[in-house]
Amino acid sequence: MQARGCQGTPVLRGIVVEASQALALLDAQRLEELAFSCEALNRTLTATGLDLETRRSLARQSREAVADMVVLGRVLEATRANVSVMNRLREMRGERLEYKVQAVASDWNDAAHAESGDGNN
């Protein structure tokens, strides 16, 4: 990531903004990269510990990123809602296809029975 805070740590706001943009664009690859970056950052911070200056920098970055985190939260909510709608549509389409298959099979069976009769029934 190009945006860096003090001591080489990624700027939280930049990560959040990029995540919102990637989510809005449904850029799964970029979202995955950002998730890996966040995991690496967390591992680094845990392994090295946090000195006072780093804590202050992270606190400042968190305050600066609040509005962007709210936007990301809204995009996530909209995405969840869209996924729910898409899943429901997929279920409905599956039910219709199942009904269609059953109707076609029933019509086929009716036609097969009619053809097998001798015409006197």
PDB file of N, CA and C in Angstrom:
ATOM      1  N   MET A   1       0.847  -1.177   0.000  1.00  0.00           N
ATOM      2  CA  MET A   1       0.000   0.000   0.000  1.00  0.00           C
ATOM      3  C   MET A   1       0.885   1.230   0.000  1.00  0.00           C
ATOM      4  N   GLN A   2       0.509   2.249  -0.715  1.00  0.00           N
ATOM      5  CA  GLN A   2       1.361   3.410  -0.866  1.00  0.00           C
ATOM      6  C   GLN A   2       1.279   4.361   0.329  1.00  0.00           C
ATOM      7  N   ALA A   3       0.094   4.536   0.894  1.00  0.00           N
ATOM      8  CA  ALA A   3      -0.069   5.453   2.010  1.00  0.00           C
ATOM      9  C   ALA A   3       0.549   4.840   3.262  1.00  0.00           C
ATOM     10  N   ARG A   4       1.439   5.566   3.898  1.00  0.00           N
ATOM     11  CA  ARG A   4       2.118   5.066   5.083  1.00  0.00           C
ATOM     12  C   ARG A   4       2.018   6.103   6.192  1.00  0.00           C
ATOM     13  N   GLY A   5       1.871   5.622   7.395  1.00  0.00           N
ATOM     14  CA  GLY A   5       1.873   6.483   8.566  1.00  0.00           C
ATOM     15  C   GLY A   5       3.271   6.530   9.127  1.00  0.00           C
ATOM     16  N   CYS A   6       3.384   6.973  10.347  1.00  0.00           N
ATOM     17  CA  CYS A   6       4.709   7.006  10.954  1.00  0.00           C
ATOM     18  C   CYS A   6       5.191   5.582  11.180  1.00  0.00           C
ATOM     19  N   GLN A   7       6.453   5.360  11.143  1.00  0.00           N
ATOM     20  CA  GLN A   7       7.126   4.086  11.343  1.00  0.00           C
ATOM     21  C   GLN A   7       6.698   3.030  10.321  1.00  0.00           C
ATOM     22  N   GLY A   8       6.264   3.456   9.131  1.00  0.00           N
ATOM     23  CA  GLY A   8       5.973   2.529   8.060  1.00  0.00           C
ATOM     24  C   GLY A   8       4.664   1.764   8.177  1.00  0.00           C
ATOM     25  N   THR A   9       3.800   2.105   9.112  1.00  0.00           N
ATOM     26  CA  THR A   9       2.528   1.386   9.223  1.00  0.00           C
ATOM     27  C   THR A   9       1.538   1.938   8.210  1.00  0.00           C
ATOM     28  N   PRO A  10       0.742   1.062   7.576  1.00  0.00           N
ATOM     29  CA  PRO A  10      -0.253   1.547   6.613  1.00  0.00           C
ATOM     30  C   PRO A  10      -1.243   2.484   7.293  1.00  0.00           C
ATOM     31  N   VAL A  11      -1.671   3.469   6.562  1.00  0.00           N
ATOM     32  CA  VAL A  11      -2.636   4.411   7.098  1.00  0.00           C
ATOM     33  C   VAL A  11      -4.004   3.751   7.058  1.00  0.00           C
ATOM     34  N   LEU A  12      -4.614   3.653   8.210  1.00  0.00           N
ATOM     35  CA  LEU A  12      -5.893   2.972   8.364  1.00  0.00           C
ATOM     36  C   LEU A  12      -6.953   3.541   7.438  1.00  0.00           C
ATOM     37  N   ARG A  13      -6.999   4.824   7.330  1.00  0.00           N
ATOM     38  CA  ARG A  13      -8.015   5.464   6.488  1.00  0.00           C
ATOM     39  C   ARG A  13      -7.894   5.004   5.039  1.00  0.00           C
ATOM     40  N   GLY A  14      -6.679   4.910   4.542  1.00  0.00           N
ATOM     41  CA  GLY A  14      -6.465   4.455   3.169  1.00  0.00           C
ATOM     42  C   GLY A  14      -6.970   3.039   2.956  1.00  0.00           C
ATOM     43  N   ILE A  15      -6.732   2.182   3.948  1.00  0.00           N
ATOM     44  CA  ILE A  15      -7.208   0.802   3.856  1.00  0.00           C
ATOM     45  C   ILE A  15      -8.730   0.773   3.821  1.00  0.00           C
ATOM     46  N   VAL A  16      -9.346   1.548   4.688  1.00  0.00           N
ATOM     47  CA  VAL A  16     -10.810   1.557   4.763  1.00  0.00           C
ATOM     48  C   VAL A  16     -11.420   2.109   3.476  1.00  0.00           C
ATOM     49  N   VAL A  17     -10.852   3.175   2.944  1.00  0.00           N
ATOM     50  CA  VAL A  17     -11.353   3.759   1.695  1.00  0.00           C
ATOM     51  C   VAL A  17     -11.210   2.759   0.554  1.00  0.00           C
ATOM     52  N   GLU A  18     -10.039   2.119   0.459  1.00  0.00           N
ATOM     53  CA  GLU A  18      -9.839   1.126  -0.599  1.00  0.00           C
ATOM     54  C   GLU A  18     -10.795  -0.048  -0.455  1.00  0.00           C
ATOM     55  N   ALA A  19     -11.045  -0.467   0.776  1.00  0.00           N
ATOM     56  CA  ALA A  19     -11.972  -1.580   1.005  1.00  0.00           C
ATOM     57  C   ALA A  19     -13.381  -1.198   0.563  1.00  0.00           C
ATOM     58  N   SER A  20     -13.806   0.020   0.863  1.00  0.00           N
ATOM     59  CA  SER A  20     -15.135   0.480   0.436  1.00  0.00           C
ATOM     60  C   SER A  20     -15.240   0.499  -1.083  1.00  0.00           C
ATOM     61  N   GLN A  21     -14.205   1.024  -1.737  1.00  0.00           N
ATOM     62  CA  GLN A  21     -14.215   1.085  -3.198  1.00  0.00           C
ATOM     63  C   GLN A  21     -14.212  -0.310  -3.809  1.00  0.00           C
ATOM     64  N   ALA A  22     -13.378  -1.193  -3.281  1.00  0.00           N
ATOM     65  CA  ALA A  22     -13.306  -2.558  -3.814  1.00  0.00           C
ATOM     66  C   ALA A  22     -14.625  -3.286  -3.618  1.00  0.00           C
ATOM     67  N   LEU A  23     -15.254  -3.078  -2.469  1.00  0.00           N
ATOM     68  CA  LEU A  23     -16.540  -3.717  -2.200  1.00  0.00           C
ATOM     69  C   LEU A  23     -17.611  -3.168  -3.123  1.00  0.00           C
ATOM     70  N   ALA A  24     -17.622  -1.859  -3.305  1.00  0.00           N
ATOM     71  CA  ALA A  24     -18.613  -1.241  -4.188  1.00  0.00           C
ATOM     72  C   ALA A  24     -18.440  -1.726  -5.627  1.00  0.00           C
ATOM     73  N   LEU A  25     -17.201  -1.992  -6.017  1.00  0.00           N
ATOM     74  CA  LEU A  25     -16.914  -2.470  -7.372  1.00  0.00           C
ATOM     75  C   LEU A  25     -16.922  -3.996  -7.454  1.00  0.00           C
ATOM     76  N   LEU A  26     -17.215  -4.635  -6.326  1.00  0.00           N
ATOM     77  CA  LEU A  26     -17.189  -6.093  -6.236  1.00  0.00           C
ATOM     78  C   LEU A  26     -15.844  -6.653  -6.687  1.00  0.00           C
ATOM     79  N   ASP A  27     -14.769  -5.984  -6.251  1.00  0.00           N
ATOM     80  CA  ASP A  27     -13.407  -6.391  -6.584  1.00  0.00           C
ATOM     81  C   ASP A  27     -12.910  -7.357  -5.506  1.00  0.00           C
ATOM     82  N   ALA A  28     -13.275  -8.618  -5.641  1.00  0.00           N
ATOM     83  CA  ALA A  28     -12.961  -9.629  -4.635  1.00  0.00           C
ATOM     84  C   ALA A  28     -11.454  -9.799  -4.461  1.00  0.00           C
ATOM     85  N   GLN A  29     -10.708  -9.722  -5.552  1.00  0.00           N
ATOM     86  CA  GLN A  29      -9.255  -9.899  -5.470  1.00  0.00           C
ATOM     87  C   GLN A  29      -8.634  -8.808  -4.600  1.00  0.00           C
ATOM     88  N   ARG A  30      -9.055  -7.562  -4.810  1.00  0.00           N
ATOM     89  CA  ARG A  30      -8.493  -6.457  -4.016  1.00  0.00           C
ATOM     90  C   ARG A  30      -8.923  -6.574  -2.559  1.00  0.00           C
ATOM     91  N   LEU A  31     -10.160  -6.984  -2.320  1.00  0.00           N
ATOM     92  CA  LEU A  31     -10.618  -7.166  -0.942  1.00  0.00           C
ATOM     93  C   LEU A  31      -9.784  -8.228  -0.233  1.00  0.00           C
ATOM     94  N   GLU A  32      -9.475  -9.289  -0.942  1.00  0.00           N
ATOM     95  CA  GLU A  32      -8.650 -10.345  -0.358  1.00  0.00           C
ATOM     96  C   GLU A  32      -7.251  -9.821  -0.048  1.00  0.00           C
ATOM     97  N   GLU A  33      -6.678  -9.039  -0.956  1.00  0.00           N
ATOM     98  CA  GLU A  33      -5.357  -8.451  -0.721  1.00  0.00           C
ATOM     99  C   GLU A  33      -5.373  -7.556   0.511  1.00  0.00           C
ATOM    100  N   LEU A  34      -6.427  -6.748   0.647  1.00  0.00           N
ATOM    101  CA  LEU A  34      -6.543  -5.860   1.803  1.00  0.00           C
ATOM    102  C   LEU A  34      -6.677  -6.660   3.096  1.00  0.00           C
ATOM    103  N   ALA A  35      -7.441  -7.749   3.047  1.00  0.00           N
ATOM    104  CA  ALA A  35      -7.587  -8.595   4.236  1.00  0.00           C
ATOM    105  C   ALA A  35      -6.236  -9.174   4.640  1.00  0.00           C
ATOM    106  N   PHE A  36      -5.451  -9.634   3.655  1.00  0.00           N
ATOM    107  CA  PHE A  36      -4.119 -10.162   3.957  1.00  0.00           C
ATOM    108  C   PHE A  36      -3.212  -9.067   4.524  1.00  0.00           C
ATOM    109  N   SER A  37      -3.328  -7.848   3.997  1.00  0.00           N
ATOM    110  CA  SER A  37      -2.527  -6.730   4.509  1.00  0.00           C
ATOM    111  C   SER A  37      -2.869  -6.441   5.963  1.00  0.00           C
ATOM    112  N   CYS A  38      -4.165  -6.469   6.269  1.00  0.00           N
ATOM    113  CA  CYS A  38      -4.595  -6.218   7.651  1.00  0.00           C
ATOM    114  C   CYS A  38      -4.098  -7.322   8.584  1.00  0.00           C
ATOM    115  N   GLU A  39      -4.170  -8.568   8.126  1.00  0.00           N
ATOM    116  CA  GLU A  39      -3.667  -9.674   8.940  1.00  0.00           C
ATOM    117  C   GLU A  39      -2.174  -9.528   9.190  1.00  0.00           C
ATOM    118  N   ALA A  40      -1.434  -9.176   8.150  1.00  0.00           N
ATOM    119  CA  ALA A  40       0.018  -8.993   8.299  1.00  0.00           C
ATOM    120  C   ALA A  40       0.316  -7.839   9.254  1.00  0.00           C
ATOM    121  N   LEU A  41      -0.418  -6.764   9.140  1.00  0.00           N
ATOM    122  CA  LEU A  41      -0.228  -5.625  10.035  1.00  0.00           C
ATOM    123  C   LEU A  41      -0.502  -6.030  11.477  1.00  0.00           C
ATOM    124  N   ASN A  42      -1.583  -6.754  11.705  1.00  0.00           N
ATOM    125  CA  ASN A  42      -1.904  -7.195  13.062  1.00  0.00           C
ATOM    126  C   ASN A  42      -0.822  -8.113  13.630  1.00  0.00           C
ATOM    127  N   ARG A  43      -0.300  -9.037  12.787  1.00  0.00           N
ATOM    128  CA  ARG A  43       0.775  -9.927  13.243  1.00  0.00           C
ATOM    129  C   ARG A  43       2.023  -9.119  13.609  1.00  0.00           C
ATOM    130  N   THR A  44       2.346  -8.145  12.766  1.00  0.00           N
ATOM    131  CA  THR A  44       3.532  -7.319  13.011  1.00  0.00           C
ATOM    132  C   THR A  44       3.378  -6.525  14.296  1.00  0.00           C
ATOM    133  N   LEU A  45       2.213  -5.917  14.478  1.00  0.00           N
ATOM    134  CA  LEU A  45       1.986  -5.117  15.685  1.00  0.00           C
ATOM    135  C   LEU A  45       2.002  -5.983  16.934  1.00  0.00           C
ATOM    136  N   THR A  46       1.459  -7.177  16.833  1.00  0.00           N
ATOM    137  CA  THR A  46       1.447  -8.085  17.982  1.00  0.00           C
ATOM    138  C   THR A  46       2.853  -8.562  18.313  1.00  0.00           C
ATOM    139  N   ALA A  47       3.621  -8.889  17.298  1.00  0.00           N
ATOM    140  CA  ALA A  47       4.975  -9.425  17.500  1.00  0.00           C
ATOM    141  C   ALA A  47       5.929  -8.370  18.037  1.00  0.00           C
ATOM    142  N   THR A  48       5.799  -7.151  17.538  1.00  0.00           N
ATOM    143  CA  THR A  48       6.755  -6.107  17.923  1.00  0.00           C
ATOM    144  C   THR A  48       6.301  -5.311  19.137  1.00  0.00           C
ATOM    145  N   GLY A  49       5.042  -5.411  19.474  1.00  0.00           N
ATOM    146  CA  GLY A  49       4.538  -4.604  20.585  1.00  0.00           C
ATOM    147  C   GLY A  49       4.286  -3.181  20.115  1.00  0.00           C
ATOM    148  N   LEU A  50       3.641  -2.427  20.947  1.00  0.00           N
ATOM    149  CA  LEU A  50       3.293  -1.055  20.576  1.00  0.00           C
ATOM    150  C   LEU A  50       3.945  -0.070  21.533  1.00  0.00           C
ATOM    151  N   ASP A  51       4.851   0.732  20.998  1.00  0.00           N
ATOM    152  CA  ASP A  51       5.416   1.778  21.831  1.00  0.00           C
ATOM    153  C   ASP A  51       4.442   2.954  21.868  1.00  0.00           C
ATOM    154  N   LEU A  52       4.734   3.925  22.688  1.00  0.00           N
ATOM    155  CA  LEU A  52       3.817   5.050  22.894  1.00  0.00           C
ATOM    156  C   LEU A  52       3.558   5.813  21.598  1.00  0.00           C
ATOM    157  N   GLU A  53       4.575   6.049  20.801  1.00  0.00           N
ATOM    158  CA  GLU A  53       4.402   6.794  19.555  1.00  0.00           C
ATOM    159  C   GLU A  53       3.514   6.023  18.568  1.00  0.00           C
ATOM    160  N   THR A  54       3.709   4.715  18.481  1.00  0.00           N
ATOM    161  CA  THR A  54       2.884   3.898  17.588  1.00  0.00           C
ATOM    162  C   THR A  54       1.434   3.916  18.051  1.00  0.00           C
ATOM    163  N   ARG A  55       1.212   3.800  19.357  1.00  0.00           N
ATOM    164  CA  ARG A  55      -0.164   3.866  19.895  1.00  0.00           C
ATOM    165  C   ARG A  55      -0.824   5.189  19.544  1.00  0.00           C
ATOM    166  N   ARG A  56      -0.068   6.266  19.709  1.00  0.00           N
ATOM    167  CA  ARG A  56      -0.624   7.589  19.388  1.00  0.00           C
ATOM    168  C   ARG A  56      -0.956   7.686  17.899  1.00  0.00           C
ATOM    169  N   SER A  57      -0.066   7.173  17.063  1.00  0.00           N
ATOM    170  CA  SER A  57      -0.289   7.206  15.618  1.00  0.00           C
ATOM    171  C   SER A  57      -1.528   6.401  15.238  1.00  0.00           C
ATOM    172  N   LEU A  58      -1.659   5.212  15.798  1.00  0.00           N
ATOM    173  CA  LEU A  58      -2.828   4.386  15.499  1.00  0.00           C
ATOM    174  C   LEU A  58      -4.114   5.021  16.013  1.00  0.00           C
ATOM    175  N   ALA A  59      -4.053   5.654  17.179  1.00  0.00           N
ATOM    176  CA  ALA A  59      -5.233   6.340  17.717  1.00  0.00           C
ATOM    177  C   ALA A  59      -5.632   7.493  16.802  1.00  0.00           C
ATOM    178  N   ARG A  60      -4.637   8.257  16.315  1.00  0.00           N
ATOM    179  CA  ARG A  60      -4.916   9.363  15.400  1.00  0.00           C
ATOM    180  C   ARG A  60      -5.519   8.836  14.099  1.00  0.00           C
ATOM    181  N   GLN A  61      -4.921   7.768  13.552  1.00  0.00           N
ATOM    182  CA  GLN A  61      -5.436   7.187  12.312  1.00  0.00           C
ATOM    183  C   GLN A  61      -6.871   6.683  12.494  1.00  0.00           C
ATOM    184  N   SER A  62      -7.139   6.112  13.633  1.00  0.00           N
ATOM    185  CA  SER A  62      -8.495   5.617  13.901  1.00  0.00           C
ATOM    186  C   SER A  62      -9.496   6.766  13.930  1.00  0.00           C
ATOM    187  N   ARG A  63      -9.117   7.851  14.572  1.00  0.00           N
ATOM    188  CA  ARG A  63     -10.016   9.021  14.607  1.00  0.00           C
ATOM    189  C   ARG A  63     -10.243   9.576  13.206  1.00  0.00           C
ATOM    190  N   GLU A  64      -9.167   9.636  12.403  1.00  0.00           N
ATOM    191  CA  GLU A  64      -9.277  10.170  11.048  1.00  0.00           C
ATOM    192  C   GLU A  64     -10.105   9.272  10.133  1.00  0.00           C
ATOM    193  N   ALA A  65     -10.156   7.986  10.439  1.00  0.00           N
ATOM    194  CA  ALA A  65     -10.844   7.028   9.571  1.00  0.00           C
ATOM    195  C   ALA A  65     -12.293   6.764   9.971  1.00  0.00           C
ATOM    196  N   VAL A  66     -12.786   7.402  11.018  1.00  0.00           N
ATOM    197  CA  VAL A  66     -14.136   7.119  11.514  1.00  0.00           C
ATOM    198  C   VAL A  66     -15.193   7.307  10.427  1.00  0.00           C
ATOM    199  N   ALA A  67     -15.162   8.429   9.730  1.00  0.00           N
ATOM    200  CA  ALA A  67     -16.180   8.689   8.696  1.00  0.00           C
ATOM    201  C   ALA A  67     -16.090   7.645   7.577  1.00  0.00           C
ATOM    202  N   ASP A  68     -14.865   7.278   7.202  1.00  0.00           N
ATOM    203  CA  ASP A  68     -14.691   6.275   6.154  1.00  0.00           C
ATOM    204  C   ASP A  68     -15.152   4.900   6.620  1.00  0.00           C
ATOM    205  N   MET A  69     -14.983   4.603   7.901  1.00  0.00           N
ATOM    206  CA  MET A  69     -15.471   3.331   8.438  1.00  0.00           C
ATOM    207  C   MET A  69     -16.994   3.283   8.427  1.00  0.00           C
ATOM    208  N   VAL A  70     -17.631   4.419   8.664  1.00  0.00           N
ATOM    209  CA  VAL A  70     -19.094   4.481   8.589  1.00  0.00           C
ATOM    210  C   VAL A  70     -19.546   4.180   7.162  1.00  0.00           C
ATOM    211  N   VAL A  71     -18.866   4.765   6.189  1.00  0.00           N
ATOM    212  CA  VAL A  71     -19.195   4.501   4.781  1.00  0.00           C
ATOM    213  C   VAL A  71     -18.996   3.026   4.469  1.00  0.00           C
ATOM    214  N   LEU A  72     -17.871   2.444   4.905  1.00  0.00           N
ATOM    215  CA  LEU A  72     -17.619   1.027   4.677  1.00  0.00           C
ATOM    216  C   LEU A  72     -18.721   0.182   5.305  1.00  0.00           C
ATOM    217  N   GLY A  73     -19.150   0.546   6.497  1.00  0.00           N
ATOM    218  CA  GLY A  73     -20.239  -0.174   7.160  1.00  0.00           C
ATOM    219  C   GLY A  73     -21.516  -0.140   6.342  1.00  0.00           C
ATOM    220  N   ARG A  74     -21.823   1.019   5.771  1.00  0.00           N
ATOM    221  CA  ARG A  74     -23.028   1.140   4.948  1.00  0.00           C
ATOM    222  C   ARG A  74     -22.915   0.309   3.667  1.00  0.00           C
ATOM    223  N   VAL A  75     -21.733   0.315   3.065  1.00  0.00           N
ATOM    224  CA  VAL A  75     -21.525  -0.488   1.858  1.00  0.00           C
ATOM    225  C   VAL A  75     -21.656  -1.974   2.198  1.00  0.00           C
ATOM    226  N   LEU A  76     -21.116  -2.378   3.350  1.00  0.00           N
ATOM    227  CA  LEU A  76     -21.251  -3.774   3.777  1.00  0.00           C
ATOM    228  C   LEU A  76     -22.715  -4.152   3.990  1.00  0.00           C
ATOM    229  N   GLU A  77     -23.476  -3.273   4.616  1.00  0.00           N
ATOM    230  CA  GLU A  77     -24.906  -3.538   4.830  1.00  0.00           C
ATOM    231  C   GLU A  77     -25.639  -3.679   3.504  1.00  0.00           C
ATOM    232  N   ALA A  78     -25.357  -2.779   2.565  1.00  0.00           N
ATOM    233  CA  ALA A  78     -25.999  -2.852   1.251  1.00  0.00           C
ATOM    234  C   ALA A  78     -25.606  -4.138   0.532  1.00  0.00           C
ATOM    235  N   THR A  79     -24.345  -4.523   0.676  1.00  0.00           N
ATOM    236  CA  THR A  79     -23.875  -5.752   0.039  1.00  0.00           C
ATOM    237  C   THR A  79     -24.572  -6.961   0.639  1.00  0.00           C
ATOM    238  N   ARG A  80     -24.716  -6.980   1.967  1.00  0.00           N
ATOM    239  CA  ARG A  80     -25.430  -8.083   2.617  1.00  0.00           C
ATOM    240  C   ARG A  80     -26.863  -8.159   2.122  1.00  0.00           C
ATOM    241  N   ALA A  81     -27.507  -7.007   2.009  1.00  0.00           N
ATOM    242  CA  ALA A  81     -28.891  -6.972   1.529  1.00  0.00           C
ATOM    243  C   ALA A  81     -28.962  -7.484   0.094  1.00  0.00           C
ATOM    244  N   ASN A  82     -28.021  -7.063  -0.738  1.00  0.00           N
ATOM    245  CA  ASN A  82     -27.995  -7.532  -2.127  1.00  0.00           C
ATOM    246  C   ASN A  82     -27.777  -9.036  -2.210  1.00  0.00           C
ATOM    247  N   VAL A  83     -26.900  -9.564  -1.370  1.00  0.00           N
ATOM    248  CA  VAL A  83     -26.652 -11.006  -1.365  1.00  0.00           C
ATOM    249  C   VAL A  83     -27.917 -11.747  -0.948  1.00  0.00           C
ATOM    250  N   SER A  84     -28.625 -11.220   0.030  1.00  0.00           N
ATOM    251  CA  SER A  84     -29.875 -11.851   0.466  1.00  0.00           C
ATOM    252  C   SER A  84     -30.889 -11.886  -0.663  1.00  0.00           C
ATOM    253  N   VAL A  85     -31.029 -10.778  -1.367  1.00  0.00           N
ATOM    254  CA  VAL A  85     -31.971 -10.714  -2.487  1.00  0.00           C
ATOM    255  C   VAL A  85     -31.555 -11.695  -3.581  1.00  0.00           C
ATOM    256  N   MET A  86     -30.271 -11.714  -3.903  1.00  0.00           N
ATOM    257  CA  MET A  86     -29.794 -12.614  -4.961  1.00  0.00           C
ATOM    258  C   MET A  86     -29.998 -14.081  -4.573  1.00  0.00           C
ATOM    259  N   ASN A  87     -29.747 -14.409  -3.307  1.00  0.00           N
ATOM    260  CA  ASN A  87     -29.974 -15.784  -2.860  1.00  0.00           C
ATOM    261  C   ASN A  87     -31.448 -16.155  -2.945  1.00  0.00           C
ATOM    262  N   ARG A  88     -32.323 -15.243  -2.556  1.00  0.00           N
ATOM    263  CA  ARG A  88     -33.766 -15.508  -2.628  1.00  0.00           C
ATOM    264  C   ARG A  88     -34.200 -15.676  -4.088  1.00  0.00           C
ATOM    265  N   LEU A  89     -33.701 -14.842  -4.979  1.00  0.00           N
ATOM    266  CA  LEU A  89     -34.032 -14.985  -6.401  1.00  0.00           C
ATOM    267  C   LEU A  89     -33.537 -16.321  -6.943  1.00  0.00           C
ATOM    268  N   ARG A  90     -32.348 -16.728  -6.525  1.00  0.00           N
ATOM    269  CA  ARG A  90     -31.800 -18.016  -6.958  1.00  0.00           C
ATOM    270  C   ARG A  90     -32.692 -19.156  -6.466  1.00  0.00           C
ATOM    271  N   GLU A  91     -33.153 -19.063  -5.205  1.00  0.00           N
ATOM    272  CA  GLU A  91     -34.050 -20.080  -4.665  1.00  0.00           C
ATOM    273  C   GLU A  91     -35.356 -20.121  -5.456  1.00  0.00           C
ATOM    274  N   MET A  92     -35.902 -18.947  -5.734  1.00  0.00           N
ATOM    275  CA  MET A  92     -37.160 -18.883  -6.480  1.00  0.00           C
ATOM    276  C   MET A  92     -36.989 -19.465  -7.876  1.00  0.00           C
ATOM    277  N   ARG A  93     -35.888 -19.130  -8.514  1.00  0.00           N
ATOM    278  CA  ARG A  93     -35.632 -19.652  -9.849  1.00  0.00           C
ATOM    279  C   ARG A  93     -35.481 -21.168  -9.800  1.00  0.00           C
ATOM    280  N   GLY A  94     -34.808 -21.664  -8.781  1.00  0.00           N
ATOM    281  CA  GLY A  94     -34.657 -23.101  -8.609  1.00  0.00           C
ATOM    282  C   GLY A  94     -35.994 -23.785  -8.400  1.00  0.00           C
ATOM    283  N   GLU A  95     -36.874 -23.159  -7.627  1.00  0.00           N
ATOM    284  CA  GLU A  95     -38.211 -23.723  -7.416  1.00  0.00           C
ATOM    285  C   GLU A  95     -38.989 -23.745  -8.725  1.00  0.00           C
ATOM    286  N   ARG A  96     -38.880 -22.686  -9.506  1.00  0.00           N
ATOM    287  CA  ARG A  96     -39.574 -22.637 -10.808  1.00  0.00           C
ATOM    288  C   ARG A  96     -39.030 -23.693 -11.747  1.00  0.00           C
ATOM    289  N   LEU A  97     -37.692 -23.850 -11.771  1.00  0.00           N
ATOM    290  CA  LEU A  97     -37.095 -24.861 -12.637  1.00  0.00           C
ATOM    291  C   LEU A  97     -37.535 -26.255 -12.210  1.00  0.00           C
ATOM    292  N   GLU A  98     -37.591 -26.473 -10.900  1.00  0.00           N
ATOM    293  CA  GLU A  98     -38.030 -27.767 -10.401  1.00  0.00           C
ATOM    294  C   GLU A  98     -39.479 -28.022 -10.802  1.00  0.00           C
ATOM    295  N   TYR A  99     -40.317 -27.005 -10.690  1.00  0.00           N
ATOM    296  CA  TYR A  99     -41.721 -27.132 -11.082  1.00  0.00           C
ATOM    297  C   TYR A  99     -41.828 -27.420 -12.572  1.00  0.00           C
ATOM    298  N   LYS A 100     -41.016 -26.696 -13.362  1.00  0.00           N
ATOM    299  CA  LYS A 100     -41.024 -26.893 -14.813  1.00  0.00           C
ATOM    300  C   LYS A 100     -40.616 -28.313 -15.174  1.00  0.00           C
ATOM    301  N   VAL A 101     -39.569 -28.821 -14.543  1.00  0.00           N
ATOM    302  CA  VAL A 101     -39.086 -30.168 -14.816  1.00  0.00           C
ATOM    303  C   VAL A 101     -40.179 -31.173 -14.464  1.00  0.00           C
ATOM    304  N   GLN A 102     -40.829 -30.975 -13.329  1.00  0.00           N
ATOM    305  CA  GLN A 102     -41.904 -31.885 -12.927  1.00  0.00           C
ATOM    306  C   GLN A 102     -43.074 -31.819 -13.912  1.00  0.00           C
ATOM    307  N   ALA A 103     -43.425 -30.615 -14.362  1.00  0.00           N
ATOM    308  CA  ALA A 103     -44.528 -30.448 -15.308  1.00  0.00           C
ATOM    309  C   ALA A 103     -44.200 -31.097 -16.645  1.00  0.00           C
ATOM    310  N   VAL A 104     -42.974 -30.915 -17.125  1.00  0.00           N
ATOM    311  CA  VAL A 104     -42.560 -31.514 -18.388  1.00  0.00           C
ATOM    312  C   VAL A 104     -42.569 -33.035 -18.266  1.00  0.00           C
ATOM    313  N   ALA A 105     -42.067 -33.559 -17.155  1.00  0.00           N
ATOM    314  CA  ALA A 105     -42.053 -35.009 -16.944  1.00  0.00           C
ATOM    315  C   ALA A 105     -43.478 -35.548 -16.896  1.00  0.00           C
ATOM    316  N   SER A 106     -44.360 -34.826 -16.242  1.00  0.00           N
ATOM    317  CA  SER A 106     -45.758 -35.246 -16.161  1.00  0.00           C
ATOM    318  C   SER A 106     -46.400 -35.248 -17.546  1.00  0.00           C
ATOM    319  N   ASP A 107     -46.166 -34.183 -18.329  1.00  0.00           N
ATOM    320  CA  ASP A 107     -46.698 -34.119 -19.693  1.00  0.00           C
ATOM    321  C   ASP A 107     -46.146 -35.251 -20.542  1.00  0.00           C
ATOM    322  N   TRP A 108     -44.869 -35.534 -20.371  1.00  0.00           N
ATOM    323  CA  TRP A 108     -44.230 -36.600 -21.134  1.00  0.00           C
ATOM    324  C   TRP A 108     -44.847 -37.955 -20.775  1.00  0.00           C
ATOM    325  N   ASN A 109     -45.067 -38.188 -19.468  1.00  0.00           N
ATOM    326  CA  ASN A 109     -45.688 -39.444 -19.025  1.00  0.00           C
ATOM    327  C   ASN A 109     -47.109 -39.562 -19.553  1.00  0.00           C
ATOM    328  N   ASP A 110     -47.878 -38.456 -19.531  1.00  0.00           N
ATOM    329  CA  ASP A 110     -49.249 -38.472 -20.063  1.00  0.00           C
ATOM    330  C   ASP A 110     -49.241 -38.810 -21.550  1.00  0.00           C
ATOM    331  N   ALA A 111     -48.310 -38.206 -22.283  1.00  0.00           N
ATOM    332  CA  ALA A 111     -48.231 -38.464 -23.721  1.00  0.00           C
ATOM    333  C   ALA A 111     -47.829 -39.910 -23.987  1.00  0.00           C
ATOM    334  N   ALA A 112     -46.916 -40.443 -23.184  1.00  0.00           N
ATOM    335  CA  ALA A 112     -46.466 -41.828 -23.359  1.00  0.00           C
ATOM    336  C   ALA A 112     -47.609 -42.792 -23.096  1.00  0.00           C
ATOM    337  N   HIS A 113     -48.437 -42.520 -22.075  1.00  0.00           N
ATOM    338  CA  HIS A 113     -49.578 -43.381 -21.774  1.00  0.00           C
ATOM    339  C   HIS A 113     -50.621 -43.309 -22.874  1.00  0.00           C
ATOM    340  N   ALA A 114     -50.852 -42.136 -23.403  1.00  0.00           N
ATOM    341  CA  ALA A 114     -51.847 -41.971 -24.471  1.00  0.00           C
ATOM    342  C   ALA A 114     -51.415 -42.720 -25.726  1.00  0.00           C
ATOM    343  N   GLU A 115     -50.133 -42.696 -26.035  1.00  0.00           N
ATOM    344  CA  GLU A 115     -49.630 -43.373 -27.226  1.00  0.00           C
ATOM    345  C   GLU A 115     -49.648 -44.895 -27.033  1.00  0.00           C
ATOM    346  N   SER A 116     -49.532 -45.380 -25.812  1.00  0.00           N
ATOM    347  CA  SER A 116     -49.474 -46.834 -25.596  1.00  0.00           C
ATOM    348  C   SER A 116     -50.856 -47.473 -25.605  1.00  0.00           C
ATOM    349  N   GLY A 117     -51.907 -46.662 -25.533  1.00  0.00           N
ATOM    350  CA  GLY A 117     -53.270 -47.204 -25.555  1.00  0.00           C
ATOM    351  C   GLY A 117     -53.649 -47.664 -26.952  1.00  0.00           C
ATOM    352  N   ASP A 118     -54.718 -48.441 -27.079  1.00  0.00           N
ATOM    353  CA  ASP A 118     -55.138 -48.966 -28.395  1.00  0.00           C
ATOM    354  C   ASP A 118     -56.175 -48.079 -29.060  1.00  0.00           C
ATOM    355  N   GLY A 119     -56.477 -46.978 -28.437  1.00  0.00           N
ATOM    356  CA  GLY A 119     -57.418 -46.039 -29.033  1.00  0.00           C
ATOM    357  C   GLY A 119     -58.864 -46.355 -28.716  1.00  0.00           C
ATOM    358  N   ASN A 120     -59.136 -47.443 -28.011  1.00  0.00           N
ATOM    359  CA  ASN A 120     -60.495 -47.809 -27.655  1.00  0.00           C
ATOM    360  C   ASN A 120     -60.879 -47.280 -26.280  1.00  0.00           C
ATOM    361  N   ASN A 121     -59.945 -46.665 -25.580  1.00  0.00           N
ATOM    362  CA  ASN A 121     -60.233 -46.156 -24.241  1.00  0.00           C
ATOM    363  C   ASN A 121     -60.574 -44.728 -24.242  1.00  0.00           C
TER     364      ASN A 121
END
